[in-house]
């Protein structure tokens, strides 16, 4: 088994090129409840996932199902309006397949958003957290299998997963708009259950500040292909002792919607100030 099938990736990229006359420089993945960010784009092409050869389909509420092309603050972008998850039954190769395709289409930078449970006692619901590092607790690794050397090395370096320049840019732009942002470590888990109080305590002891069911596979694959990465969590619920309450996916989507506008504006300012 290869950890990626280059023939399928090239087939999908060729199909998209036949439909889209734009070469994206930045890829964006929008998480639960954050699909409204597309309102800031000048969308030139919309391709439903169902129409794209070899693409999975999102089955989760709060995730759209379109691949969008256009410009965002003059920057050519490719935006995933909804992502895929291991817990949906997809393999890690399917979950990360769109990132491989975006690389062949021309992206050099990947920006990822997600909804996450906060484990740092200082956090508040609705807070925006810059991900500075991650802990991979998912059951499968997206690079398992024979390596495709044309895509990246067998043993990718992970000493600086999240680009320090992009983190600095985000902090500057957040200060300009008067938006508080925190920084922290994201713990990626398999899901689909939300965490137990004991699991929250364990992840906090391991060094985690937020926990969620996405992002880590896509980021690993992006770094495998030497794409620079930035990721941000919207804290939608709290896994802090004394503050843990019953939570549903509806609650997560609602909280993400309420903070999505702030994150959208921040992403737009970053794109305007980005060297692409």
Protein backbone atom coordinates (compact mmCIF):
# COMPACT_ATOMS: atom_id res chain seq x y z
CA UNK A 1 0.00 0.00 0.00
CA UNK A 2 1.27 3.47 -0.92
CA UNK A 3 0.58 6.32 1.49
CA UNK A 4 -0.67 8.23 -1.56
CA UNK A 5 -1.68 7.19 -5.07
CA UNK A 6 -0.01 9.69 -7.39
CA UNK A 7 -2.00 8.50 -10.40
CA UNK A 8 -5.30 9.30 -8.68
CA UNK A 9 -3.99 12.64 -7.43
CA UNK A 10 -2.84 13.62 -10.93
CA UNK A 11 -6.16 12.49 -12.44
CA UNK A 12 -8.11 14.65 -10.00
CA UNK A 13 -5.83 17.66 -10.46
CA UNK A 14 -6.15 17.36 -14.26
CA UNK A 15 -9.95 17.33 -13.98
CA UNK A 16 -9.94 20.47 -11.85
CA UNK A 17 -7.53 22.25 -14.20
CA UNK A 18 -9.96 21.51 -17.05
CA UNK A 19 -12.66 23.40 -15.13
CA UNK A 20 -10.68 26.18 -13.45
CA UNK A 21 -8.41 28.75 -15.10
CA UNK A 22 -6.82 29.92 -11.85
CA UNK A 23 -3.68 28.71 -10.08
CA UNK A 24 -4.16 28.95 -6.31
CA UNK A 25 -1.25 30.00 -4.11
CA UNK A 26 -2.95 29.36 -0.77
CA UNK A 27 -5.18 26.47 0.27
CA UNK A 28 -7.76 26.97 3.04
CA UNK A 29 -9.63 24.24 4.94
CA UNK A 30 -12.72 25.38 6.83
CA UNK A 31 -13.88 23.41 9.87
CA UNK A 32 -17.23 22.84 11.61
CA UNK A 33 -19.49 25.87 11.41
CA UNK A 34 -16.83 28.01 9.73
CA UNK A 35 -17.93 27.74 6.11
CA UNK A 36 -19.23 31.31 6.14
CA UNK A 37 -15.71 32.53 5.50
CA UNK A 38 -16.43 32.21 1.80
CA UNK A 39 -18.49 35.41 2.01
CA UNK A 40 -15.17 37.29 1.97
CA UNK A 41 -14.03 35.64 -1.26
CA UNK A 42 -14.53 36.57 -4.87
CA UNK A 43 -15.53 33.09 -5.97
CA UNK A 44 -14.92 32.33 -9.64
CA UNK A 45 -15.49 28.56 -9.63
CA UNK A 46 -17.49 26.24 -7.37
CA UNK A 47 -17.09 22.48 -7.79
CA UNK A 48 -19.21 20.17 -5.59
CA UNK A 49 -17.15 17.38 -4.07
CA UNK A 50 -19.60 14.91 -5.61
CA UNK A 51 -18.48 16.04 -9.08
CA UNK A 52 -14.74 15.64 -8.47
CA UNK A 53 -13.19 12.29 -9.43
CA UNK A 54 -11.74 10.35 -6.47
CA UNK A 55 -12.92 12.92 -3.90
CA UNK A 56 -14.67 11.79 -0.71
CA UNK A 57 -17.87 13.52 0.40
CA UNK A 58 -18.41 15.28 3.70
CA UNK A 59 -21.08 13.63 5.84
CA UNK A 60 -20.97 15.95 8.86
CA UNK A 61 -23.43 18.74 9.64
CA UNK A 62 -21.75 22.14 9.53
CA UNK A 63 -19.47 21.15 6.67
CA UNK A 64 -20.32 22.29 3.17
CA UNK A 65 -19.37 20.10 0.27
CA UNK A 66 -17.67 22.35 -2.26
CA UNK A 67 -14.21 23.14 -3.54
CA UNK A 68 -14.07 26.87 -4.21
CA UNK A 69 -11.63 28.85 -6.34
CA UNK A 70 -11.18 32.58 -6.54
CA UNK A 71 -9.39 35.43 -4.82
CA UNK A 72 -9.41 36.52 -1.20
CA UNK A 73 -7.88 39.98 -0.73
CA UNK A 74 -6.29 39.65 -4.17
CA UNK A 75 -4.66 36.29 -3.33
CA UNK A 76 -5.58 33.29 -5.55
CA UNK A 77 -7.00 30.65 -3.21
CA UNK A 78 -8.50 27.19 -3.20
CA UNK A 79 -10.95 26.73 -0.32
CA UNK A 80 -12.38 23.48 1.03
CA UNK A 81 -15.86 24.32 2.29
CA UNK A 82 -15.98 21.31 4.59
CA UNK A 83 -13.37 18.66 5.34
CA UNK A 84 -13.22 14.90 5.80
CA UNK A 85 -12.54 12.95 8.98
CA UNK A 86 -11.20 9.52 9.86
CA UNK A 87 -14.25 8.90 12.06
CA UNK A 88 -16.51 9.15 9.01
CA UNK A 89 -15.05 5.85 7.86
CA UNK A 90 -12.54 7.26 5.41
CA UNK A 91 -8.93 6.13 5.36
CA UNK A 92 -6.26 8.66 6.27
CA UNK A 93 -5.26 8.67 2.60
CA UNK A 94 -8.80 9.76 1.68
CA UNK A 95 -8.92 12.34 4.47
CA UNK A 96 -5.74 13.99 3.21
CA UNK A 97 -6.29 13.43 -0.51
CA UNK A 98 -7.50 17.01 -1.16
CA UNK A 99 -4.29 18.46 0.31
CA UNK A 100 -2.27 16.37 -2.16
CA UNK A 101 -4.44 17.65 -5.00
CA UNK A 102 -4.10 21.28 -3.89
CA UNK A 103 -0.32 20.90 -3.91
CA UNK A 104 -0.40 19.75 -7.53
CA UNK A 105 -2.67 22.69 -8.35
CA UNK A 106 -0.01 25.08 -7.06
CA UNK A 107 -0.53 25.96 -3.39
CA UNK A 108 2.53 26.82 -1.32
CA UNK A 109 0.70 27.67 1.92
CA UNK A 110 -2.10 25.89 3.79
CA UNK A 111 -4.38 27.64 6.30
CA UNK A 112 -6.58 25.38 8.42
CA UNK A 113 -9.39 26.16 10.85
CA UNK A 114 -11.20 23.90 13.28
CA UNK A 115 -13.60 23.86 16.20
CA UNK A 116 -11.97 22.50 19.35
CA UNK A 117 -12.56 21.84 23.01
CA UNK A 118 -10.45 24.03 25.27
CA UNK A 119 -8.47 22.43 28.11
CA UNK A 120 -6.50 25.44 29.32
CA UNK A 121 -8.17 26.96 32.42
CA UNK A 122 -7.58 30.46 31.05
CA UNK A 123 -9.61 29.84 27.88
CA UNK A 124 -13.11 31.09 27.14
CA UNK A 125 -15.73 29.82 24.71
CA UNK A 126 -15.40 31.73 21.44
CA UNK A 127 -11.68 32.31 21.86
CA UNK A 128 -9.38 32.06 18.84
CA UNK A 129 -6.28 29.93 19.45
CA UNK A 130 -3.25 29.86 17.16
CA UNK A 131 -1.96 26.31 16.99
CA UNK A 132 1.78 26.36 17.67
CA UNK A 133 2.27 22.58 17.83
CA UNK A 134 0.27 19.38 17.97
CA UNK A 135 0.12 15.97 19.61
CA UNK A 136 -1.09 13.21 17.31
CA UNK A 137 -3.34 10.77 19.17
CA UNK A 138 -5.18 9.48 16.11
CA UNK A 139 -5.32 5.75 15.46
CA UNK A 140 -3.79 5.82 11.98
CA UNK A 141 -0.92 7.81 10.45
CA UNK A 142 -1.53 9.41 7.04
CA UNK A 143 1.99 8.54 5.84
CA UNK A 144 1.74 4.84 6.68
CA UNK A 145 2.59 2.64 3.69
CA UNK A 146 5.14 2.83 0.92
CA UNK A 147 6.37 6.38 0.43
CA UNK A 148 5.92 8.25 -2.84
CA UNK A 149 9.32 9.99 -3.09
CA UNK A 150 8.03 12.42 -5.72
CA UNK A 151 5.66 13.84 -3.09
CA UNK A 152 8.02 13.99 -0.12
CA UNK A 153 10.61 12.17 2.03
CA UNK A 154 10.07 8.90 3.87
CA UNK A 155 10.76 10.54 7.24
CA UNK A 156 9.57 14.17 7.21
CA UNK A 157 11.03 16.57 9.75
CA UNK A 158 8.42 17.86 12.20
CA UNK A 159 10.56 20.23 14.29
CA UNK A 160 8.62 23.28 13.02
CA UNK A 161 5.24 22.13 11.78
CA UNK A 162 3.46 25.48 12.08
CA UNK A 163 5.26 28.30 10.31
CA UNK A 164 6.65 30.87 12.74
CA UNK A 165 6.43 33.63 10.17
CA UNK A 166 2.70 33.01 9.67
CA UNK A 167 2.15 32.84 13.43
CA UNK A 168 3.89 36.19 13.81
CA UNK A 169 1.82 37.66 10.96
CA UNK A 170 -1.40 36.46 12.63
CA UNK A 171 -0.45 38.03 15.96
CA UNK A 172 0.35 41.36 14.28
CA UNK A 173 -2.91 41.41 12.33
CA UNK A 174 -4.91 40.40 15.40
CA UNK A 175 -3.35 43.30 17.32
CA UNK A 176 -4.26 45.69 14.49
CA UNK A 177 -7.92 44.64 14.66
CA UNK A 178 -7.97 44.58 18.47
CA UNK A 179 -8.67 40.86 18.53
CA UNK A 180 -7.30 38.74 21.36
CA UNK A 181 -5.73 35.46 20.21
CA UNK A 182 -4.13 32.82 22.39
CA UNK A 183 -1.54 30.23 21.43
CA UNK A 184 -1.47 26.56 22.28
CA UNK A 185 -0.93 22.90 21.50
CA UNK A 186 -3.69 21.01 19.68
CA UNK A 187 -4.34 17.35 20.48
CA UNK A 188 -5.72 15.45 17.49
CA UNK A 189 -7.96 12.49 18.40
CA UNK A 190 -9.93 9.98 16.36
CA UNK A 191 -13.48 10.74 17.55
CA UNK A 192 -16.40 10.76 17.06
CA UNK A 193 -17.12 10.80 20.80
CA UNK A 194 -16.40 13.94 22.78
CA UNK A 195 -13.86 13.45 25.54
CA UNK A 196 -14.50 12.13 29.04
CA UNK A 197 -13.33 14.23 32.02
CA UNK A 198 -10.48 11.75 32.56
CA UNK A 199 -9.39 12.10 28.93
CA UNK A 200 -9.42 15.89 29.21
CA UNK A 201 -7.20 15.62 32.29
CA UNK A 202 -4.83 13.23 30.51
CA UNK A 203 -4.49 15.43 27.41
CA UNK A 204 -3.88 18.47 29.60
CA UNK A 205 -1.15 16.61 31.50
CA UNK A 206 0.43 15.69 28.15
CA UNK A 207 0.71 19.38 27.30
CA UNK A 208 -2.43 19.99 25.28
CA UNK A 209 -4.43 23.21 25.28
CA UNK A 210 -7.22 22.18 22.90
CA UNK A 211 -8.54 18.91 21.50
CA UNK A 212 -10.31 18.06 18.28
CA UNK A 213 -10.91 15.40 15.63
CA UNK A 214 -9.22 16.91 12.58
CA UNK A 215 -6.35 19.07 11.31
CA UNK A 216 -3.38 16.90 12.30
CA UNK A 217 -3.61 14.50 9.30
CA UNK A 218 -3.89 17.34 6.78
CA UNK A 219 -1.01 19.23 8.37
CA UNK A 220 1.25 16.15 8.42
CA UNK A 221 0.62 15.53 4.73
CA UNK A 222 1.15 19.21 3.90
CA UNK A 223 4.51 19.21 5.68
CA UNK A 224 5.41 15.98 3.86
CA UNK A 225 5.11 18.03 0.66
CA UNK A 226 6.96 21.07 2.08
CA UNK A 227 3.85 23.26 2.25
CA UNK A 228 4.08 25.92 4.95
CA UNK A 229 1.23 25.63 7.44
CA UNK A 230 -0.90 27.78 9.70
CA UNK A 231 -3.81 26.54 11.82
CA UNK A 232 -6.29 28.11 14.19
CA UNK A 233 -8.90 26.69 16.56
CA UNK A 234 -12.14 28.29 17.65
CA UNK A 235 -12.71 27.17 21.24
CA UNK A 236 -16.32 26.00 21.17
CA UNK A 237 -16.57 24.16 24.51
CA UNK A 238 -14.50 23.69 27.65
CA UNK A 239 -12.89 20.51 28.95
CA UNK A 240 -11.75 22.18 32.16
CA UNK A 241 -12.59 20.59 35.49
CA UNK A 242 -15.60 22.36 36.99
CA UNK A 243 -16.62 23.80 33.59
CA UNK A 244 -17.43 20.57 31.72
CA UNK A 245 -21.05 20.40 30.59
CA UNK A 246 -22.93 18.11 28.26
CA UNK A 247 -22.04 19.05 24.69
CA UNK A 248 -23.51 18.24 21.27
CA UNK A 249 -22.29 18.84 17.74
CA UNK A 250 -25.08 21.42 17.36
CA UNK A 251 -23.53 23.36 20.26
CA UNK A 252 -20.10 23.20 18.60
CA UNK A 253 -21.42 24.44 15.26
CA UNK A 254 -23.35 27.28 16.94
CA UNK A 255 -20.30 28.46 18.89
CA UNK A 256 -18.12 28.25 15.79
CA UNK A 257 -20.62 30.30 13.79
CA UNK A 258 -20.60 33.01 16.44
CA UNK A 259 -16.80 33.35 16.34
CA UNK A 260 -16.40 32.61 12.66
CA UNK A 261 -16.68 36.23 11.58
CA UNK A 262 -13.69 37.21 13.73
CA UNK A 263 -11.60 34.37 12.35
CA UNK A 264 -12.67 35.16 8.80
CA UNK A 265 -11.57 38.78 9.11
CA UNK A 266 -8.27 37.70 10.62
CA UNK A 267 -7.59 35.19 7.84
CA UNK A 268 -8.35 37.91 5.29
CA UNK A 269 -5.89 40.34 6.88
CA UNK A 270 -3.26 37.61 6.95
CA UNK A 271 -3.76 36.87 3.27
CA UNK A 272 -3.45 40.58 2.43
CA UNK A 273 -0.13 40.72 4.30
CA UNK A 274 1.22 37.37 3.16
CA UNK A 275 4.19 36.87 0.85
CA UNK A 276 2.81 34.33 -1.63
